[in-house]
Amino acid sequence: PTTLMITGTELTDFDRLSVIQRSNS
């Protein structure tokens, strides 16, 4: 519940990050 993980793409500067609940369908 406190940790998500993403991998495979280097992150440099970015302007906007969102965590969105998406339908499980």
mmCIF file of all heavy atoms, coordinates in Angstrom:
data_MODEL
# 
_entry.id   MODEL 
# 
loop_
_atom_site.group_PDB 
_atom_site.id 
_atom_site.type_symbol 
_atom_site.label_atom_id 
_atom_site.label_alt_id 
_atom_site.label_comp_id 
_atom_site.label_asym_id 
_atom_site.label_entity_id 
_atom_site.label_seq_id 
_atom_site.pdbx_PDB_ins_code 
_atom_site.Cartn_x 
_atom_site.Cartn_y 
_atom_site.Cartn_z 
_atom_site.occupancy 
_atom_site.B_iso_or_equiv 
_atom_site.pdbx_formal_charge 
_atom_site.auth_seq_id 
_atom_site.auth_comp_id 
_atom_site.auth_asym_id 
_atom_site.auth_atom_id 
_atom_site.pdbx_PDB_model_num 
ATOM 1   N N   . PRO A 1 1  ? 0.782   -1.238 0.000   1.00 0.00 ? 1  PRO A N   1 
ATOM 2   C CA  . PRO A 1 1  ? 0.000   0.000  0.000   1.00 0.00 ? 1  PRO A CA  1 
ATOM 3   C C   . PRO A 1 1  ? 0.815   1.290  0.000   1.00 0.00 ? 1  PRO A C   1 
ATOM 4   O O   . PRO A 1 1  ? 0.257   2.368  -0.233  1.00 0.00 ? 1  PRO A O   1 
ATOM 5   C CB  . PRO A 1 1  ? -0.836  -0.121 1.282   1.00 0.00 ? 1  PRO A CB  1 
ATOM 6   C CG  . PRO A 1 1  ? -0.977  -1.589 1.494   1.00 0.00 ? 1  PRO A CG  1 
ATOM 7   C CD  . PRO A 1 1  ? 0.333   -2.168 1.070   1.00 0.00 ? 1  PRO A CD  1 
ATOM 8   N N   . THR A 1 2  ? 2.120   1.210  0.240   1.00 0.00 ? 2  THR A N   1 
ATOM 9   C CA  . THR A 1 2  ? 2.946   2.426  0.252   1.00 0.00 ? 2  THR A CA  1 
ATOM 10  C C   . THR A 1 2  ? 3.993   2.452  -0.847  1.00 0.00 ? 2  THR A C   1 
ATOM 11  O O   . THR A 1 2  ? 4.736   3.426  -0.949  1.00 0.00 ? 2  THR A O   1 
ATOM 12  C CB  . THR A 1 2  ? 3.655   2.584  1.612   1.00 0.00 ? 2  THR A CB  1 
ATOM 13  O OG1 . THR A 1 2  ? 4.532   1.456  1.825   1.00 0.00 ? 2  THR A OG1 1 
ATOM 14  C CG2 . THR A 1 2  ? 2.652   2.672  2.749   1.00 0.00 ? 2  THR A CG2 1 
ATOM 15  N N   . THR A 1 3  ? 4.064   1.399  -1.677  1.00 0.00 ? 3  THR A N   1 
ATOM 16  C CA  . THR A 1 3  ? 5.146   1.324  -2.657  1.00 0.00 ? 3  THR A CA  1 
ATOM 17  C C   . THR A 1 3  ? 4.678   0.762  -3.993  1.00 0.00 ? 3  THR A C   1 
ATOM 18  O O   . THR A 1 3  ? 4.077   -0.309 -4.049  1.00 0.00 ? 3  THR A O   1 
ATOM 19  C CB  . THR A 1 3  ? 6.306   0.445  -2.143  1.00 0.00 ? 3  THR A CB  1 
ATOM 20  O OG1 . THR A 1 3  ? 6.679   0.850  -0.826  1.00 0.00 ? 3  THR A OG1 1 
ATOM 21  C CG2 . THR A 1 3  ? 7.514   0.549  -3.069  1.00 0.00 ? 3  THR A CG2 1 
ATOM 22  N N   . LEU A 1 4  ? 4.974   1.500  -5.076  1.00 0.00 ? 4  LEU A N   1 
ATOM 23  C CA  . LEU A 1 4  ? 4.813   1.026  -6.442  1.00 0.00 ? 4  LEU A CA  1 
ATOM 24  C C   . LEU A 1 4  ? 6.183   0.984  -7.102  1.00 0.00 ? 4  LEU A C   1 
ATOM 25  O O   . LEU A 1 4  ? 7.114   1.678  -6.669  1.00 0.00 ? 4  LEU A O   1 
ATOM 26  C CB  . LEU A 1 4  ? 3.896   1.958  -7.235  1.00 0.00 ? 4  LEU A CB  1 
ATOM 27  C CG  . LEU A 1 4  ? 2.493   2.191  -6.697  1.00 0.00 ? 4  LEU A CG  1 
ATOM 28  C CD1 . LEU A 1 4  ? 1.768   3.247  -7.540  1.00 0.00 ? 4  LEU A CD1 1 
ATOM 29  C CD2 . LEU A 1 4  ? 1.686   0.896  -6.670  1.00 0.00 ? 4  LEU A CD2 1 
ATOM 30  N N   . MET A 1 5  ? 6.320   0.197  -8.163  1.00 0.00 ? 5  MET A N   1 
ATOM 31  C CA  . MET A 1 5  ? 7.603   0.099  -8.847  1.00 0.00 ? 5  MET A CA  1 
ATOM 32  C C   . MET A 1 5  ? 7.413   0.212  -10.354 1.00 0.00 ? 5  MET A C   1 
ATOM 33  O O   . MET A 1 5  ? 6.486   -0.363 -10.915 1.00 0.00 ? 5  MET A O   1 
ATOM 34  C CB  . MET A 1 5  ? 8.289   -1.229 -8.515  1.00 0.00 ? 5  MET A CB  1 
ATOM 35  C CG  . MET A 1 5  ? 9.694   -1.364 -9.101  1.00 0.00 ? 5  MET A CG  1 
ATOM 36  S SD  . MET A 1 5  ? 10.558  -2.855 -8.534  1.00 0.00 ? 5  MET A SD  1 
ATOM 37  C CE  . MET A 1 5  ? 9.714   -4.096 -9.528  1.00 0.00 ? 5  MET A CE  1 
ATOM 38  N N   . ILE A 1 6  ? 8.272   0.983  -10.996 1.00 0.00 ? 6  ILE A N   1 
ATOM 39  C CA  . ILE A 1 6  ? 8.329   1.033  -12.451 1.00 0.00 ? 6  ILE A CA  1 
ATOM 40  C C   . ILE A 1 6  ? 9.766   0.760  -12.865 1.00 0.00 ? 6  ILE A C   1 
ATOM 41  O O   . ILE A 1 6  ? 10.714  1.031  -12.119 1.00 0.00 ? 6  ILE A O   1 
ATOM 42  C CB  . ILE A 1 6  ? 7.858   2.392  -13.005 1.00 0.00 ? 6  ILE A CB  1 
ATOM 43  C CG1 . ILE A 1 6  ? 8.664   3.543  -12.413 1.00 0.00 ? 6  ILE A CG1 1 
ATOM 44  C CG2 . ILE A 1 6  ? 6.372   2.582  -12.746 1.00 0.00 ? 6  ILE A CG2 1 
ATOM 45  C CD1 . ILE A 1 6  ? 8.303   4.902  -12.992 1.00 0.00 ? 6  ILE A CD1 1 
ATOM 46  N N   . THR A 1 7  ? 9.935   0.234  -14.063 1.00 0.00 ? 7  THR A N   1 
ATOM 47  C CA  . THR A 1 7  ? 11.278  -0.150 -14.512 1.00 0.00 ? 7  THR A CA  1 
ATOM 48  C C   . THR A 1 7  ? 11.364  -0.076 -16.028 1.00 0.00 ? 7  THR A C   1 
ATOM 49  O O   . THR A 1 7  ? 10.339  -0.106 -16.727 1.00 0.00 ? 7  THR A O   1 
ATOM 50  C CB  . THR A 1 7  ? 11.623  -1.573 -14.039 1.00 0.00 ? 7  THR A CB  1 
ATOM 51  O OG1 . THR A 1 7  ? 12.996  -1.847 -14.318 1.00 0.00 ? 7  THR A OG1 1 
ATOM 52  C CG2 . THR A 1 7  ? 10.760  -2.617 -14.725 1.00 0.00 ? 7  THR A CG2 1 
ATOM 53  N N   . GLY A 1 8  ? 12.621  0.054  -16.531 1.00 0.00 ? 8  GLY A N   1 
ATOM 54  C CA  . GLY A 1 8  ? 12.856  -0.041 -17.971 1.00 0.00 ? 8  GLY A CA  1 
ATOM 55  C C   . GLY A 1 8  ? 13.042  1.273  -18.685 1.00 0.00 ? 8  GLY A C   1 
ATOM 56  O O   . GLY A 1 8  ? 13.481  1.291  -19.831 1.00 0.00 ? 8  GLY A O   1 
ATOM 57  N N   . THR A 1 9  ? 12.729  2.407  -18.050 1.00 0.00 ? 9  THR A N   1 
ATOM 58  C CA  . THR A 1 9  ? 12.871  3.712  -18.692 1.00 0.00 ? 9  THR A CA  1 
ATOM 59  C C   . THR A 1 9  ? 13.571  4.672  -17.742 1.00 0.00 ? 9  THR A C   1 
ATOM 60  O O   . THR A 1 9  ? 13.147  4.851  -16.600 1.00 0.00 ? 9  THR A O   1 
ATOM 61  C CB  . THR A 1 9  ? 11.495  4.296  -19.077 1.00 0.00 ? 9  THR A CB  1 
ATOM 62  O OG1 . THR A 1 9  ? 10.814  3.376  -19.937 1.00 0.00 ? 9  THR A OG1 1 
ATOM 63  C CG2 . THR A 1 9  ? 11.660  5.624  -19.805 1.00 0.00 ? 9  THR A CG2 1 
ATOM 64  N N   . GLU A 1 10 ? 14.637  5.289  -18.232 1.00 0.00 ? 10 GLU A N   1 
ATOM 65  C CA  . GLU A 1 10 ? 15.356  6.239  -17.388 1.00 0.00 ? 10 GLU A CA  1 
ATOM 66  C C   . GLU A 1 10 ? 14.541  7.506  -17.226 1.00 0.00 ? 10 GLU A C   1 
ATOM 67  O O   . GLU A 1 10 ? 14.009  8.063  -18.189 1.00 0.00 ? 10 GLU A O   1 
ATOM 68  C CB  . GLU A 1 10 ? 16.713  6.581  -18.006 1.00 0.00 ? 10 GLU A CB  1 
ATOM 69  C CG  . GLU A 1 10 ? 17.536  7.531  -17.134 1.00 0.00 ? 10 GLU A CG  1 
ATOM 70  C CD  . GLU A 1 10 ? 18.887  7.845  -17.740 1.00 0.00 ? 10 GLU A CD  1 
ATOM 71  O OE1 . GLU A 1 10 ? 19.138  7.434  -18.894 1.00 0.00 ? 10 GLU A OE1 1 
ATOM 72  O OE2 . GLU A 1 10 ? 19.695  8.499  -17.058 1.00 0.00 ? 10 GLU A OE2 1 
ATOM 73  N N   . LEU A 1 11 ? 14.432  7.958  -15.999 1.00 0.00 ? 11 LEU A N   1 
ATOM 74  C CA  . LEU A 1 11 ? 13.690  9.177  -15.709 1.00 0.00 ? 11 LEU A CA  1 
ATOM 75  C C   . LEU A 1 11 ? 14.647  10.338 -15.557 1.00 0.00 ? 11 LEU A C   1 
ATOM 76  O O   . LEU A 1 11 ? 15.576  10.286 -14.747 1.00 0.00 ? 11 LEU A O   1 
ATOM 77  C CB  . LEU A 1 11 ? 12.862  9.009  -14.428 1.00 0.00 ? 11 LEU A CB  1 
ATOM 78  C CG  . LEU A 1 11 ? 11.837  7.869  -14.409 1.00 0.00 ? 11 LEU A CG  1 
ATOM 79  C CD1 . LEU A 1 11 ? 11.070  7.893  -13.102 1.00 0.00 ? 11 LEU A CD1 1 
ATOM 80  C CD2 . LEU A 1 11 ? 10.878  7.974  -15.577 1.00 0.00 ? 11 LEU A CD2 1 
ATOM 81  N N   . THR A 1 12 ? 14.405  11.365 -16.350 1.00 0.00 ? 12 THR A N   1 
ATOM 82  C CA  . THR A 1 12 ? 15.165  12.599 -16.161 1.00 0.00 ? 12 THR A CA  1 
ATOM 83  C C   . THR A 1 12 ? 14.209  13.618 -15.560 1.00 0.00 ? 12 THR A C   1 
ATOM 84  O O   . THR A 1 12 ? 13.381  13.273 -14.734 1.00 0.00 ? 12 THR A O   1 
ATOM 85  C CB  . THR A 1 12 ? 15.734  13.073 -17.502 1.00 0.00 ? 12 THR A CB  1 
ATOM 86  O OG1 . THR A 1 12 ? 14.673  13.183 -18.446 1.00 0.00 ? 12 THR A OG1 1 
ATOM 87  C CG2 . THR A 1 12 ? 16.762  12.068 -18.035 1.00 0.00 ? 12 THR A CG2 1 
ATOM 88  N N   . ASP A 1 13 ? 14.301  14.850 -15.932 1.00 0.00 ? 13 ASP A N   1 
ATOM 89  C CA  . ASP A 1 13 ? 13.356  15.823 -15.394 1.00 0.00 ? 13 ASP A CA  1 
ATOM 90  C C   . ASP A 1 13 ? 11.968  15.589 -15.980 1.00 0.00 ? 13 ASP A C   1 
ATOM 91  O O   . ASP A 1 13 ? 11.819  15.288 -17.159 1.00 0.00 ? 13 ASP A O   1 
ATOM 92  C CB  . ASP A 1 13 ? 13.801  17.251 -15.741 1.00 0.00 ? 13 ASP A CB  1 
ATOM 93  C CG  . ASP A 1 13 ? 15.005  17.665 -14.922 1.00 0.00 ? 13 ASP A CG  1 
ATOM 94  O OD1 . ASP A 1 13 ? 15.321  16.946 -13.954 1.00 0.00 ? 13 ASP A OD1 1 
ATOM 95  O OD2 . ASP A 1 13 ? 15.622  18.683 -15.271 1.00 0.00 ? 13 ASP A OD2 1 
ATOM 96  N N   . PHE A 1 14 ? 10.952  15.725 -15.150 1.00 0.00 ? 14 PHE A N   1 
ATOM 97  C CA  . PHE A 1 14 ? 9.575   15.615 -15.635 1.00 0.00 ? 14 PHE A CA  1 
ATOM 98  C C   . PHE A 1 14 ? 8.707   16.579 -14.857 1.00 0.00 ? 14 PHE A C   1 
ATOM 99  O O   . PHE A 1 14 ? 9.019   16.964 -13.733 1.00 0.00 ? 14 PHE A O   1 
ATOM 100 C CB  . PHE A 1 14 ? 9.048   14.176 -15.505 1.00 0.00 ? 14 PHE A CB  1 
ATOM 101 C CG  . PHE A 1 14 ? 9.169   13.579 -14.138 1.00 0.00 ? 14 PHE A CG  1 
ATOM 102 C CD1 . PHE A 1 14 ? 8.158   13.752 -13.209 1.00 0.00 ? 14 PHE A CD1 1 
ATOM 103 C CD2 . PHE A 1 14 ? 10.301  12.853 -13.772 1.00 0.00 ? 14 PHE A CD2 1 
ATOM 104 C CE1 . PHE A 1 14 ? 8.262   13.201 -11.948 1.00 0.00 ? 14 PHE A CE1 1 
ATOM 105 C CE2 . PHE A 1 14 ? 10.404  12.308 -12.509 1.00 0.00 ? 14 PHE A CE2 1 
ATOM 106 C CZ  . PHE A 1 14 ? 9.390   12.473 -11.592 1.00 0.00 ? 14 PHE A CZ  1 
ATOM 107 N N   . ASP A 1 15 ? 7.626   16.986 -15.483 1.00 0.00 ? 15 ASP A N   1 
ATOM 108 C CA  . ASP A 1 15 ? 6.783   18.034 -14.916 1.00 0.00 ? 15 ASP A CA  1 
ATOM 109 C C   . ASP A 1 15 ? 5.600   17.515 -14.115 1.00 0.00 ? 15 ASP A C   1 
ATOM 110 O O   . ASP A 1 15 ? 5.099   18.191 -13.244 1.00 0.00 ? 15 ASP A O   1 
ATOM 111 C CB  . ASP A 1 15 ? 6.242   18.933 -16.043 1.00 0.00 ? 15 ASP A CB  1 
ATOM 112 C CG  . ASP A 1 15 ? 7.361   19.673 -16.760 1.00 0.00 ? 15 ASP A CG  1 
ATOM 113 O OD1 . ASP A 1 15 ? 8.310   20.079 -16.069 1.00 0.00 ? 15 ASP A OD1 1 
ATOM 114 O OD2 . ASP A 1 15 ? 7.271   19.813 -17.986 1.00 0.00 ? 15 ASP A OD2 1 
ATOM 115 N N   . ARG A 1 16 ? 5.151   16.307 -14.445 1.00 0.00 ? 16 ARG A N   1 
ATOM 116 C CA  . ARG A 1 16 ? 3.909   15.858 -13.801 1.00 0.00 ? 16 ARG A CA  1 
ATOM 117 C C   . ARG A 1 16 ? 3.931   14.359 -13.593 1.00 0.00 ? 16 ARG A C   1 
ATOM 118 O O   . ARG A 1 16 ? 4.222   13.594 -14.503 1.00 0.00 ? 16 ARG A O   1 
ATOM 119 C CB  . ARG A 1 16 ? 2.711   16.245 -14.667 1.00 0.00 ? 16 ARG A CB  1 
ATOM 120 C CG  . ARG A 1 16 ? 1.383   15.699 -14.177 1.00 0.00 ? 16 ARG A CG  1 
ATOM 121 C CD  . ARG A 1 16 ? 0.239   16.274 -14.969 1.00 0.00 ? 16 ARG A CD  1 
ATOM 122 N NE  . ARG A 1 16 ? -1.002  15.584 -14.668 1.00 0.00 ? 16 ARG A NE  1 
ATOM 123 C CZ  . ARG A 1 16 ? -2.198  15.999 -15.045 1.00 0.00 ? 16 ARG A CZ  1 
ATOM 124 N NH1 . ARG A 1 16 ? -2.318  17.108 -15.728 1.00 0.00 ? 16 ARG A NH1 1 
ATOM 125 N NH2 . ARG A 1 16 ? -3.285  15.314 -14.750 1.00 0.00 ? 16 ARG A NH2 1 
ATOM 126 N N   . LEU A 1 17 ? 3.621   13.949 -12.388 1.00 0.00 ? 17 LEU A N   1 
ATOM 127 C CA  . LEU A 1 17 ? 3.507   12.526 -12.058 1.00 0.00 ? 17 LEU A CA  1 
ATOM 128 C C   . LEU A 1 17 ? 2.164   12.298 -11.393 1.00 0.00 ? 17 LEU A C   1 
ATOM 129 O O   . LEU A 1 17 ? 1.778   13.037 -10.496 1.00 0.00 ? 17 LEU A O   1 
ATOM 130 C CB  . LEU A 1 17 ? 4.648   12.097 -11.129 1.00 0.00 ? 17 LEU A CB  1 
ATOM 131 C CG  . LEU A 1 17 ? 4.690   10.612 -10.720 1.00 0.00 ? 17 LEU A CG  1 
ATOM 132 C CD1 . LEU A 1 17 ? 6.128   10.176 -10.491 1.00 0.00 ? 17 LEU A CD1 1 
ATOM 133 C CD2 . LEU A 1 17 ? 3.880   10.327 -9.459  1.00 0.00 ? 17 LEU A CD2 1 
ATOM 134 N N   . SER A 1 18 ? 1.443   11.292 -11.852 1.00 0.00 ? 18 SER A N   1 
ATOM 135 C CA  . SER A 1 18 ? 0.129   10.976 -11.287 1.00 0.00 ? 18 SER A CA  1 
ATOM 136 C C   . SER A 1 18 ? 0.073   9.506  -10.916 1.00 0.00 ? 18 SER A C   1 
ATOM 137 O O   . SER A 1 18 ? 0.641   8.662  -11.612 1.00 0.00 ? 18 SER A O   1 
ATOM 138 C CB  . SER A 1 18 ? -0.990  11.269 -12.292 1.00 0.00 ? 18 SER A CB  1 
ATOM 139 O OG  . SER A 1 18 ? -0.938  12.606 -12.732 1.00 0.00 ? 18 SER A OG  1 
ATOM 140 N N   . VAL A 1 19 ? -0.609  9.204  -9.823  1.00 0.00 ? 19 VAL A N   1 
ATOM 141 C CA  . VAL A 1 19 ? -0.993  7.830  -9.498  1.00 0.00 ? 19 VAL A CA  1 
ATOM 142 C C   . VAL A 1 19 ? -2.503  7.761  -9.669  1.00 0.00 ? 19 VAL A C   1 
ATOM 143 O O   . VAL A 1 19 ? -3.242  8.498  -9.035  1.00 0.00 ? 19 VAL A O   1 
ATOM 144 C CB  . VAL A 1 19 ? -0.598  7.443  -8.065  1.00 0.00 ? 19 VAL A CB  1 
ATOM 145 C CG1 . VAL A 1 19 ? -1.110  6.042  -7.753  1.00 0.00 ? 19 VAL A CG1 1 
ATOM 146 C CG2 . VAL A 1 19 ? 0.913   7.488  -7.896  1.00 0.00 ? 19 VAL A CG2 1 
ATOM 147 N N   . ILE A 1 20 ? -2.942  6.880  -10.559 1.00 0.00 ? 20 ILE A N   1 
ATOM 148 C CA  . ILE A 1 20 ? -4.360  6.814  -10.905 1.00 0.00 ? 20 ILE A CA  1 
ATOM 149 C C   . ILE A 1 20 ? -4.872  5.396  -10.695 1.00 0.00 ? 20 ILE A C   1 
ATOM 150 O O   . ILE A 1 20 ? -4.247  4.430  -11.126 1.00 0.00 ? 20 ILE A O   1 
ATOM 151 C CB  . ILE A 1 20 ? -4.581  7.240  -12.374 1.00 0.00 ? 20 ILE A CB  1 
ATOM 152 C CG1 . ILE A 1 20 ? -4.033  8.659  -12.589 1.00 0.00 ? 20 ILE A CG1 1 
ATOM 153 C CG2 . ILE A 1 20 ? -6.050  7.165  -12.749 1.00 0.00 ? 20 ILE A CG2 1 
ATOM 154 C CD1 . ILE A 1 20 ? -4.103  9.130  -14.016 1.00 0.00 ? 20 ILE A CD1 1 
ATOM 155 N N   . GLN A 1 21 ? -6.012  5.295  -10.011 1.00 0.00 ? 21 GLN A N   1 
ATOM 156 C CA  . GLN A 1 21 ? -6.652  3.989  -9.870  1.00 0.00 ? 21 GLN A CA  1 
ATOM 157 C C   . GLN A 1 21 ? -7.358  3.671  -11.187 1.00 0.00 ? 21 GLN A C   1 
ATOM 158 O O   . GLN A 1 21 ? -8.227  4.425  -11.625 1.00 0.00 ? 21 GLN A O   1 
ATOM 159 C CB  . GLN A 1 21 ? -7.672  4.003  -8.738  1.00 0.00 ? 21 GLN A CB  1 
ATOM 160 C CG  . GLN A 1 21 ? -7.144  4.528  -7.419  1.00 0.00 ? 21 GLN A CG  1 
ATOM 161 C CD  . GLN A 1 21 ? -5.985  3.728  -6.911  1.00 0.00 ? 21 GLN A CD  1 
ATOM 162 O OE1 . GLN A 1 21 ? -4.837  4.074  -7.136  1.00 0.00 ? 21 GLN A OE1 1 
ATOM 163 N NE2 . GLN A 1 21 ? -6.282  2.636  -6.251  1.00 0.00 ? 21 GLN A NE2 1 
ATOM 164 N N   . ARG A 1 22 ? -7.012  2.553  -11.787 1.00 0.00 ? 22 ARG A N   1 
ATOM 165 C CA  . ARG A 1 22 ? -7.616  2.186  -13.065 1.00 0.00 ? 22 ARG A CA  1 
ATOM 166 C C   . ARG A 1 22 ? -8.487  0.961  -12.883 1.00 0.00 ? 22 ARG A C   1 
ATOM 167 O O   . ARG A 1 22 ? -8.199  0.087  -12.067 1.00 0.00 ? 22 ARG A O   1 
ATOM 168 C CB  . ARG A 1 22 ? -6.548  1.906  -14.119 1.00 0.00 ? 22 ARG A CB  1 
ATOM 169 C CG  . ARG A 1 22 ? -5.598  3.065  -14.339 1.00 0.00 ? 22 ARG A CG  1 
ATOM 170 C CD  . ARG A 1 22 ? -4.734  2.837  -15.555 1.00 0.00 ? 22 ARG A CD  1 
ATOM 171 N NE  . ARG A 1 22 ? -5.416  3.236  -16.779 1.00 0.00 ? 22 ARG A NE  1 
ATOM 172 C CZ  . ARG A 1 22 ? -4.970  2.954  -17.981 1.00 0.00 ? 22 ARG A CZ  1 
ATOM 173 N NH1 . ARG A 1 22 ? -3.877  2.241  -18.123 1.00 0.00 ? 22 ARG A NH1 1 
ATOM 174 N NH2 . ARG A 1 22 ? -5.634  3.358  -19.054 1.00 0.00 ? 22 ARG A NH2 1 
ATOM 175 N N   . SER A 1 23 ? -9.561  0.908  -13.677 1.00 0.00 ? 23 SER A N   1 
ATOM 176 C CA  . SER A 1 23 ? -10.464 -0.234 -13.617 1.00 0.00 ? 23 SER A CA  1 
ATOM 177 C C   . SER A 1 23 ? -9.703  -1.510 -13.885 1.00 0.00 ? 23 SER A C   1 
ATOM 178 O O   . SER A 1 23 ? -8.816  -1.567 -14.729 1.00 0.00 ? 23 SER A O   1 
ATOM 179 C CB  . SER A 1 23 ? -11.587 -0.068 -14.643 1.00 0.00 ? 23 SER A CB  1 
ATOM 180 O OG  . SER A 1 23 ? -12.333 -1.248 -14.760 1.00 0.00 ? 23 SER A OG  1 
ATOM 181 N N   . ASN A 1 24 ? -10.083 -2.576 -13.159 1.00 0.00 ? 24 ASN A N   1 
ATOM 182 C CA  . ASN A 1 24 ? -9.372  -3.841 -13.269 1.00 0.00 ? 24 ASN A CA  1 
ATOM 183 C C   . ASN A 1 24 ? -9.900  -4.712 -14.403 1.00 0.00 ? 24 ASN A C   1 
ATOM 184 O O   . ASN A 1 24 ? -9.624  -5.898 -14.472 1.00 0.00 ? 24 ASN A O   1 
ATOM 185 C CB  . ASN A 1 24 ? -9.475  -4.620 -11.946 1.00 0.00 ? 24 ASN A CB  1 
ATOM 186 C CG  . ASN A 1 24 ? -8.390  -5.657 -11.813 1.00 0.00 ? 24 ASN A CG  1 
ATOM 187 O OD1 . ASN A 1 24 ? -7.299  -5.474 -12.329 1.00 0.00 ? 24 ASN A OD1 1 
ATOM 188 N ND2 . ASN A 1 24 ? -8.677  -6.744 -11.123 1.00 0.00 ? 24 ASN A ND2 1 
ATOM 189 N N   . SER A 1 25 ? -10.708 -4.144 -15.303 1.00 0.00 ? 25 SER A N   1 
ATOM 190 C CA  . SER A 1 25 ? -11.235 -4.912 -16.428 1.00 0.00 ? 25 SER A CA  1 
ATOM 191 C C   . SER A 1 25 ? -10.192 -4.996 -17.524 1.00 0.00 ? 25 SER A C   1 
ATOM 192 O O   . SER A 1 25 ? -9.149  -4.350 -17.479 1.00 0.00 ? 25 SER A O   1 
ATOM 193 C CB  . SER A 1 25 ? -12.498 -4.251 -16.979 1.00 0.00 ? 25 SER A CB  1 
ATOM 194 O OG  . SER A 1 25 ? -12.163 -3.017 -17.579 1.00 0.00 ? 25 SER A OG  1 
# 
